[in-house]
Structure formats: structure tokens, C-alpha cells
Amino acid sequence: MPYVGWSLEQRAAVKRWMLFASLFAVAGVILSVILIALGNSGGWVVLLMTVCIYGASYLFVGNIKKKQPR
């Protein structure tokens, strides 16, 4: 059975969720920078988690996007 790809509504939802995730990633980076500046070592953990989670979701969506028919 051929894979027909994402519908227009699904692509719009992915864009909306990636925007939502981007806003949380920016907030996470800002929080981690504040924590690092205050001398809290937990800021590095927050920064690492934020970058890893956002990076993984970005790569996942990008990989799925490449496999879509044009």
C-alpha cells in the first residue's frame, strides 16, 4: 500500500506544534541561562534537556518531511 503523505491539515498542525515547541525551547534556554548566571548547576541540565528534546523533535519532523511525496 503506497504512503500518500500528510494532508494539508496535518502539515498545518505540525507547523503549529513546532511553533509551540519553539516557544517552550526559547523559554527553557532563557531559564537555563538565568540559572547558570546565578551559579546554579541545574541550569546546565535544563539547557541540555531543552536542546536535546527540541533537536530530536526537529530532526524527527524533518526526516518525516523528506519522505513525503511532492
N, C-alpha and C. Protein backbone atom coordinates (compact mmCIF):
# COMPACT_ATOMS: atom_id res chain seq x y z
N MET A 1 0.85 -1.18 0.00
CA MET A 1 0.00 0.00 0.00
C MET A 1 0.89 1.24 0.00
N PRO A 2 0.70 2.16 -0.94
CA PRO A 2 1.56 3.35 -1.01
C PRO A 2 1.28 4.32 0.12
N TYR A 3 2.32 5.03 0.51
CA TYR A 3 2.21 6.05 1.54
C TYR A 3 1.85 7.36 0.86
N VAL A 4 0.68 7.91 1.16
CA VAL A 4 0.20 9.09 0.44
C VAL A 4 0.68 10.41 1.01
N GLY A 5 1.21 10.42 2.22
CA GLY A 5 1.75 11.65 2.79
C GLY A 5 0.75 12.38 3.67
N TRP A 6 1.20 13.52 4.19
CA TRP A 6 0.39 14.31 5.10
C TRP A 6 -0.62 15.14 4.34
N SER A 7 -1.79 15.32 4.94
CA SER A 7 -2.79 16.21 4.36
C SER A 7 -2.42 17.65 4.71
N LEU A 8 -3.13 18.57 4.13
CA LEU A 8 -2.89 19.99 4.38
C LEU A 8 -3.12 20.32 5.86
N GLU A 9 -4.15 19.73 6.44
CA GLU A 9 -4.46 19.98 7.85
C GLU A 9 -3.37 19.41 8.76
N GLN A 10 -2.83 18.25 8.40
CA GLN A 10 -1.76 17.66 9.22
C GLN A 10 -0.49 18.51 9.14
N ARG A 11 -0.18 19.02 7.97
CA ARG A 11 1.00 19.89 7.85
C ARG A 11 0.84 21.16 8.65
N ALA A 12 -0.39 21.73 8.65
CA ALA A 12 -0.65 22.94 9.43
C ALA A 12 -0.52 22.65 10.92
N ALA A 13 -0.99 21.48 11.34
CA ALA A 13 -0.88 21.11 12.76
C ALA A 13 0.58 20.94 13.17
N VAL A 14 1.39 20.35 12.30
CA VAL A 14 2.81 20.17 12.61
C VAL A 14 3.49 21.52 12.73
N LYS A 15 3.17 22.44 11.84
CA LYS A 15 3.76 23.79 11.94
C LYS A 15 3.35 24.47 13.24
N ARG A 16 2.08 24.33 13.61
CA ARG A 16 1.58 24.94 14.84
C ARG A 16 2.27 24.34 16.07
N TRP A 17 2.42 23.01 16.12
CA TRP A 17 3.06 22.36 17.26
C TRP A 17 4.55 22.67 17.30
N MET A 18 5.20 22.79 16.16
CA MET A 18 6.62 23.15 16.17
C MET A 18 6.82 24.59 16.63
N LEU A 19 5.89 25.49 16.31
CA LEU A 19 5.95 26.85 16.83
C LEU A 19 5.80 26.84 18.34
N PHE A 20 4.85 26.07 18.83
CA PHE A 20 4.62 25.90 20.26
C PHE A 20 5.87 25.35 20.94
N ALA A 21 6.47 24.33 20.35
CA ALA A 21 7.69 23.73 20.91
C ALA A 21 8.85 24.73 20.87
N SER A 22 8.92 25.53 19.82
CA SER A 22 9.99 26.53 19.72
C SER A 22 9.87 27.57 20.82
N LEU A 23 8.66 27.99 21.12
CA LEU A 23 8.46 28.96 22.19
C LEU A 23 8.90 28.38 23.54
N PHE A 24 8.56 27.12 23.79
CA PHE A 24 8.99 26.49 25.03
C PHE A 24 10.51 26.29 25.05
N ALA A 25 11.11 26.02 23.90
CA ALA A 25 12.57 25.86 23.84
C ALA A 25 13.26 27.18 24.16
N VAL A 26 12.74 28.27 23.63
CA VAL A 26 13.32 29.59 23.92
C VAL A 26 13.17 29.90 25.41
N ALA A 27 12.00 29.60 25.97
CA ALA A 27 11.80 29.83 27.41
C ALA A 27 12.75 28.97 28.24
N GLY A 28 12.97 27.73 27.81
CA GLY A 28 13.89 26.85 28.53
C GLY A 28 15.32 27.34 28.47
N VAL A 29 15.73 27.85 27.32
CA VAL A 29 17.09 28.38 27.19
C VAL A 29 17.26 29.63 28.05
N ILE A 30 16.26 30.49 28.05
CA ILE A 30 16.34 31.70 28.88
C ILE A 30 16.40 31.33 30.36
N LEU A 31 15.57 30.37 30.78
CA LEU A 31 15.60 29.93 32.17
C LEU A 31 16.95 29.33 32.53
N SER A 32 17.50 28.53 31.64
CA SER A 32 18.79 27.91 31.95
C SER A 32 19.91 28.94 32.00
N VAL A 33 19.87 29.94 31.14
CA VAL A 33 20.89 30.99 31.18
C VAL A 33 20.80 31.76 32.50
N ILE A 34 19.58 32.02 32.95
CA ILE A 34 19.41 32.71 34.23
C ILE A 34 19.95 31.85 35.37
N LEU A 35 19.63 30.56 35.35
CA LEU A 35 20.11 29.67 36.40
C LEU A 35 21.63 29.56 36.39
N ILE A 36 22.22 29.48 35.20
CA ILE A 36 23.68 29.40 35.10
C ILE A 36 24.31 30.69 35.62
N ALA A 37 23.71 31.83 35.26
CA ALA A 37 24.25 33.12 35.71
C ALA A 37 24.17 33.27 37.24
N LEU A 38 23.15 32.65 37.84
CA LEU A 38 23.01 32.71 39.29
C LEU A 38 23.89 31.69 40.01
N GLY A 39 24.59 30.85 39.25
CA GLY A 39 25.50 29.89 39.83
C GLY A 39 24.88 28.54 40.14
N ASN A 40 23.68 28.31 39.66
CA ASN A 40 23.01 27.03 39.89
C ASN A 40 23.43 26.04 38.81
N SER A 41 24.00 24.92 39.20
CA SER A 41 24.47 23.95 38.21
C SER A 41 23.31 23.23 37.51
N GLY A 42 22.11 23.31 38.06
CA GLY A 42 20.94 22.72 37.41
C GLY A 42 20.60 23.41 36.10
N GLY A 43 21.10 24.60 35.91
CA GLY A 43 20.86 25.32 34.65
C GLY A 43 21.45 24.58 33.46
N TRP A 44 22.59 23.94 33.67
CA TRP A 44 23.20 23.16 32.58
C TRP A 44 22.34 21.96 32.22
N VAL A 45 21.72 21.36 33.22
CA VAL A 45 20.83 20.21 32.98
C VAL A 45 19.61 20.66 32.20
N VAL A 46 19.03 21.78 32.60
CA VAL A 46 17.85 22.32 31.89
C VAL A 46 18.22 22.65 30.45
N LEU A 47 19.38 23.26 30.25
CA LEU A 47 19.83 23.61 28.91
C LEU A 47 20.02 22.37 28.05
N LEU A 48 20.68 21.36 28.60
CA LEU A 48 20.91 20.12 27.86
C LEU A 48 19.60 19.43 27.51
N MET A 49 18.69 19.34 28.46
CA MET A 49 17.40 18.70 28.20
C MET A 49 16.60 19.46 27.14
N THR A 50 16.58 20.77 27.23
CA THR A 50 15.84 21.59 26.27
C THR A 50 16.38 21.41 24.86
N VAL A 51 17.69 21.48 24.72
CA VAL A 51 18.31 21.35 23.40
C VAL A 51 18.10 19.94 22.84
N CYS A 52 18.25 18.92 23.67
CA CYS A 52 18.08 17.53 23.19
C CYS A 52 16.65 17.25 22.76
N ILE A 53 15.69 17.64 23.57
CA ILE A 53 14.28 17.37 23.24
C ILE A 53 13.87 18.13 21.99
N TYR A 54 14.22 19.42 21.90
CA TYR A 54 13.84 20.19 20.72
C TYR A 54 14.57 19.68 19.49
N GLY A 55 15.84 19.36 19.64
CA GLY A 55 16.60 18.86 18.50
C GLY A 55 16.06 17.54 17.98
N ALA A 56 15.69 16.65 18.89
CA ALA A 56 15.13 15.35 18.47
C ALA A 56 13.81 15.53 17.75
N SER A 57 12.95 16.40 18.26
CA SER A 57 11.66 16.61 17.58
C SER A 57 11.85 17.29 16.23
N TYR A 58 12.80 18.22 16.15
CA TYR A 58 13.07 18.89 14.87
C TYR A 58 13.60 17.89 13.83
N LEU A 59 14.52 17.04 14.25
CA LEU A 59 15.06 16.04 13.33
C LEU A 59 14.00 15.02 12.92
N PHE A 60 13.12 14.63 13.85
CA PHE A 60 12.05 13.68 13.55
C PHE A 60 11.10 14.25 12.51
N VAL A 61 10.66 15.48 12.71
CA VAL A 61 9.75 16.11 11.75
C VAL A 61 10.44 16.32 10.41
N GLY A 62 11.70 16.71 10.44
CA GLY A 62 12.45 16.89 9.19
C GLY A 62 12.62 15.59 8.43
N ASN A 63 12.85 14.49 9.13
CA ASN A 63 13.01 13.19 8.50
C ASN A 63 11.69 12.73 7.87
N ILE A 64 10.58 12.92 8.58
CA ILE A 64 9.27 12.57 8.05
C ILE A 64 8.95 13.45 6.83
N LYS A 65 9.32 14.72 6.91
CA LYS A 65 9.03 15.67 5.84
C LYS A 65 9.76 15.27 4.55
N LYS A 66 11.00 14.78 4.67
CA LYS A 66 11.77 14.40 3.49
C LYS A 66 11.14 13.22 2.76
N LYS A 67 10.45 12.37 3.48
CA LYS A 67 9.86 11.16 2.89
C LYS A 67 8.50 11.43 2.23
N GLN A 68 8.00 12.66 2.34
CA GLN A 68 6.70 12.98 1.78
C GLN A 68 6.78 13.14 0.27
N PRO A 69 5.75 12.67 -0.43
CA PRO A 69 5.73 12.91 -1.88
C PRO A 69 5.51 14.38 -2.17
N ARG A 70 6.03 14.84 -3.24
CA ARG A 70 5.91 16.27 -3.59
C ARG A 70 4.69 16.52 -4.40
